[in-house]
Amino acid sequence: MPDDAWLVVGLGNPGSEYAGNRHNVGRMVVEALAARLGARFTRHKTGAGVAEGRARPGGTRFVLAAPQTYMNESGRPVGALVQFYSLPPERLIVVHDELDIPFGDLRLKSGGGHGGHNGVRDIAAVLGTPEFPRVRIGIGRPPGRQPAADFVLRDFTPPERKELPLVLDDAADAAADLATLGLDPAQQRWNAPRASR
């Protein structure tokens, strides 16, 4: 792969019944990125849908991936993709939902804990390191006493769905900024609450 290649993985669950779930917002972001690049997903031998392209001629090359495994088994296809494309973990960007961030806000980071996110946990276990960049998309906490496991597997509410295209655009921009600008400048742009950006 070219020296400027980045692997951007959107986490989620496969199948139409999960497509609109909060847990699938990472997958929605890589789909939005693919649409921007004019790239189509094809089934890859690593067990993921993969689309490749550049934002502009001579620009950064993106390999976009949506694992076809369930969330808690994301590590195997992601590890296989990292190996297939001969990329170090620091050129992997994982895009995923985050309960502890308000809906629509973004937080960019590299490394650290998994925060209870089973997809991130499995990727770190398979790679043998948690040191990879992440775009964390806020979905908020469940209301009342609703279990978090139920909340993440429910679709966004109608008011949230109205805002969701803007959130996906922001997250796609944030992933691209991580790759092209680096972590610190991207964090300065995106880690503020959405209302203040």
Protein backbone atom coordinates (compact mmCIF):
# COMPACT_ATOMS: atom_id res chain seq x y z
CA MET A 1 0.00 0.00 0.00
CA PRO A 2 1.11 3.62 -0.50
CA ASP A 3 2.81 5.30 2.45
CA ASP A 4 -0.18 7.63 2.83
CA ALA A 5 -2.81 4.87 3.09
CA TRP A 6 -5.17 4.77 6.05
CA LEU A 7 -7.61 2.04 7.06
CA VAL A 8 -10.90 3.45 8.41
CA VAL A 9 -13.14 0.83 10.03
CA GLY A 10 -16.76 1.53 10.92
CA LEU A 11 -18.05 -0.76 13.63
CA GLY A 12 -21.54 -2.22 13.66
CA ASN A 13 -23.55 -5.39 13.24
CA PRO A 14 -24.30 -6.95 9.83
CA GLY A 15 -27.82 -7.35 8.51
CA SER A 16 -30.74 -5.07 7.68
CA GLU A 17 -32.34 -5.53 11.10
CA TYR A 18 -29.41 -3.68 12.72
CA ALA A 19 -28.85 -1.05 10.04
CA GLY A 20 -30.49 1.88 11.88
CA ASN A 21 -29.28 0.96 15.38
CA ARG A 22 -27.22 3.36 17.47
CA HIS A 23 -24.56 0.63 17.66
CA ASN A 24 -24.17 0.87 13.87
CA VAL A 25 -23.30 4.55 13.64
CA GLY A 26 -19.64 3.75 12.90
CA ARG A 27 -20.67 1.69 9.90
CA MET A 28 -22.91 4.57 8.76
CA VAL A 29 -19.89 6.90 8.79
CA VAL A 30 -17.73 4.72 6.53
CA GLU A 31 -20.71 4.38 4.18
CA ALA A 32 -20.92 8.19 4.07
CA LEU A 33 -17.17 8.40 3.39
CA ALA A 34 -17.46 5.84 0.59
CA ALA A 35 -20.23 7.88 -1.01
CA ARG A 36 -17.99 10.96 -0.94
CA LEU A 37 -15.16 9.06 -2.59
CA GLY A 38 -17.45 7.50 -5.18
CA ALA A 39 -16.28 4.09 -3.94
CA ARG A 40 -18.35 0.91 -3.71
CA PHE A 41 -18.03 -1.76 -1.03
CA THR A 42 -17.10 -5.25 -2.18
CA ARG A 43 -16.76 -8.39 -0.09
CA HIS A 44 -13.14 -8.95 0.91
CA LYS A 45 -11.51 -12.23 1.88
CA THR A 46 -10.80 -10.81 5.35
CA GLY A 47 -14.51 -10.94 6.25
CA ALA A 48 -15.28 -7.26 5.71
CA GLY A 49 -16.85 -5.09 3.07
CA VAL A 50 -14.07 -2.90 1.66
CA ALA A 51 -14.10 0.26 -0.48
CA GLU A 52 -10.99 2.16 -1.59
CA GLY A 53 -10.42 5.62 -2.95
CA ARG A 54 -8.86 9.05 -2.65
CA ALA A 55 -10.66 12.23 -1.68
CA ARG A 56 -8.89 13.99 -4.55
CA PRO A 57 -6.23 13.08 -7.13
CA GLY A 58 -2.94 12.60 -5.33
CA GLY A 59 -4.64 12.90 -1.94
CA THR A 60 -4.63 10.50 0.98
CA ARG A 61 -5.67 6.96 0.09
CA PHE A 62 -8.47 5.55 2.23
CA VAL A 63 -9.36 1.91 2.69
CA LEU A 64 -12.84 1.89 4.20
CA ALA A 65 -14.05 -1.26 5.90
CA ALA A 66 -17.24 -2.57 7.48
CA PRO A 67 -16.67 -5.91 9.25
CA GLN A 68 -19.27 -8.55 8.40
CA THR A 69 -18.96 -10.12 11.85
CA TYR A 70 -21.00 -9.12 14.88
CA MET A 71 -19.66 -6.27 16.96
CA ASN A 72 -17.96 -8.34 19.65
CA GLU A 73 -16.04 -10.27 16.97
CA SER A 74 -14.68 -7.22 15.13
CA GLY A 75 -11.07 -8.04 15.91
CA ARG A 76 -10.62 -10.91 13.47
CA PRO A 77 -11.52 -9.03 10.26
CA VAL A 78 -9.78 -5.84 11.42
CA GLY A 79 -6.61 -7.75 12.29
CA ALA A 80 -6.75 -9.49 8.91
CA LEU A 81 -7.16 -6.15 7.12
CA VAL A 82 -4.22 -4.58 8.96
CA GLN A 83 -2.10 -7.59 7.95
CA PHE A 84 -3.39 -7.73 4.37
CA TYR A 85 -2.63 -4.05 3.72
CA SER A 86 0.61 -4.12 5.77
CA LEU A 87 -0.45 -1.16 7.86
CA PRO A 88 0.73 -0.37 11.40
CA PRO A 89 -2.01 0.10 14.05
CA GLU A 90 -1.38 3.85 14.10
CA ARG A 91 -2.77 3.98 10.53
CA LEU A 92 -6.00 2.31 11.60
CA ILE A 93 -8.92 4.60 12.52
CA VAL A 94 -11.81 2.89 14.30
CA VAL A 95 -15.14 4.73 14.19
CA HIS A 96 -17.66 3.68 16.83
CA ASP A 97 -20.57 4.67 19.06
CA GLU A 98 -19.95 5.96 22.58
CA LEU A 99 -22.50 5.90 25.40
CA ASP A 100 -20.63 8.35 27.63
CA ILE A 101 -20.71 11.20 25.09
CA PRO A 102 -23.87 13.25 24.41
CA PHE A 103 -25.67 12.49 21.17
CA GLY A 104 -23.98 14.15 18.19
CA ASP A 105 -20.75 15.14 19.96
CA LEU A 106 -17.45 13.65 18.82
CA ARG A 107 -14.28 12.77 20.68
CA LEU A 108 -11.07 11.81 18.94
CA LYS A 109 -8.37 9.90 20.74
CA SER A 110 -5.61 7.39 20.22
CA GLY A 111 -5.04 4.47 22.54
CA GLY A 112 -6.36 4.12 26.06
CA GLY A 113 -9.11 1.88 27.37
CA HIS A 114 -12.08 0.45 25.49
CA GLY A 115 -14.69 2.03 27.78
CA GLY A 116 -16.73 -1.16 27.80
CA HIS A 117 -17.11 -1.16 24.01
CA ASN A 118 -16.88 -4.81 22.96
CA GLY A 119 -15.85 -4.08 19.38
CA VAL A 120 -12.93 -1.89 20.46
CA ARG A 121 -12.01 -4.43 23.15
CA ASP A 122 -11.83 -7.26 20.59
CA ILE A 123 -9.79 -5.23 18.11
CA ALA A 124 -7.25 -4.29 20.80
CA ALA A 125 -7.03 -7.93 21.90
CA VAL A 126 -6.41 -9.22 18.37
CA LEU A 127 -3.90 -6.49 17.48
CA GLY A 128 -2.14 -6.91 20.82
CA THR A 129 -2.31 -3.15 21.41
CA PRO A 130 -4.94 -0.47 22.07
CA GLU A 131 -2.75 2.14 20.38
CA PHE A 132 -4.87 3.06 17.38
CA PRO A 133 -6.82 6.28 16.64
CA ARG A 134 -10.57 6.39 17.21
CA VAL A 135 -13.49 8.58 16.27
CA ARG A 136 -16.02 8.19 19.09
CA ILE A 137 -19.55 9.28 18.19
CA GLY A 138 -21.81 10.22 21.06
CA ILE A 139 -25.13 8.40 21.33
CA GLY A 140 -25.89 9.45 24.93
CA ARG A 141 -26.97 7.36 27.88
CA PRO A 142 -30.14 5.24 27.94
CA PRO A 143 -33.18 6.85 29.56
CA GLY A 144 -34.31 5.73 32.99
CA ARG A 145 -33.32 2.18 33.83
CA GLN A 146 -33.10 0.88 30.28
CA PRO A 147 -30.12 -1.47 30.00
CA ALA A 148 -27.30 -0.12 27.84
CA ALA A 149 -27.26 -3.35 25.80
CA ASP A 150 -30.89 -2.74 24.78
CA PHE A 151 -30.36 0.96 24.14
CA VAL A 152 -27.50 0.54 21.67
CA LEU A 153 -29.49 -2.03 19.67
CA ARG A 154 -32.43 0.34 19.17
CA ASP A 155 -32.82 2.73 16.26
CA PHE A 156 -32.24 6.43 16.69
CA THR A 157 -35.35 8.40 17.65
CA PRO A 158 -37.13 10.52 15.01
CA PRO A 159 -35.58 13.78 16.35
CA GLU A 160 -32.13 12.14 16.36
CA ARG A 161 -32.63 10.87 12.81
CA LYS A 162 -33.21 14.45 11.64
CA GLU A 163 -29.79 15.46 12.99
CA LEU A 164 -28.02 12.24 12.08
CA PRO A 165 -26.89 13.21 8.54
CA LEU A 166 -25.01 16.20 9.98
CA VAL A 167 -23.45 14.02 12.68
CA LEU A 168 -22.32 11.49 10.07
CA ASP A 169 -20.83 14.27 7.92
CA ASP A 170 -18.95 15.66 10.92
CA ALA A 171 -17.63 12.22 11.87
CA ALA A 172 -16.52 11.56 8.28
CA ASP A 173 -14.71 14.91 8.27
CA ALA A 174 -13.12 14.08 11.63
CA ALA A 175 -11.81 10.74 10.36
CA ALA A 176 -10.37 12.43 7.29
CA ASP A 177 -8.77 15.13 9.47
CA LEU A 178 -7.18 12.47 11.66
CA ALA A 179 -5.51 10.99 8.61
CA THR A 180 -4.51 14.22 6.88
CA LEU A 181 -3.83 16.68 9.73
CA GLY A 182 -2.84 14.43 12.63
CA LEU A 183 -4.39 13.79 16.02
CA ASP A 184 -3.76 17.09 17.81
CA PRO A 185 -5.16 19.44 15.12
CA ALA A 186 -8.11 17.11 14.56
CA GLN A 187 -8.87 17.01 18.29
CA GLN A 188 -8.75 20.81 18.50
CA ARG A 189 -11.32 21.03 15.74
CA TRP A 190 -13.68 18.23 16.77
CA ASN A 191 -13.46 17.52 20.50
CA ALA A 192 -15.53 20.55 21.48
CA PRO A 193 -19.29 20.02 22.02
CA ARG A 194 -21.16 20.15 18.71
CA ALA A 195 -23.14 23.24 19.71
CA SER A 196 -19.92 25.25 20.13
CA ARG A 197 -18.16 24.17 16.94
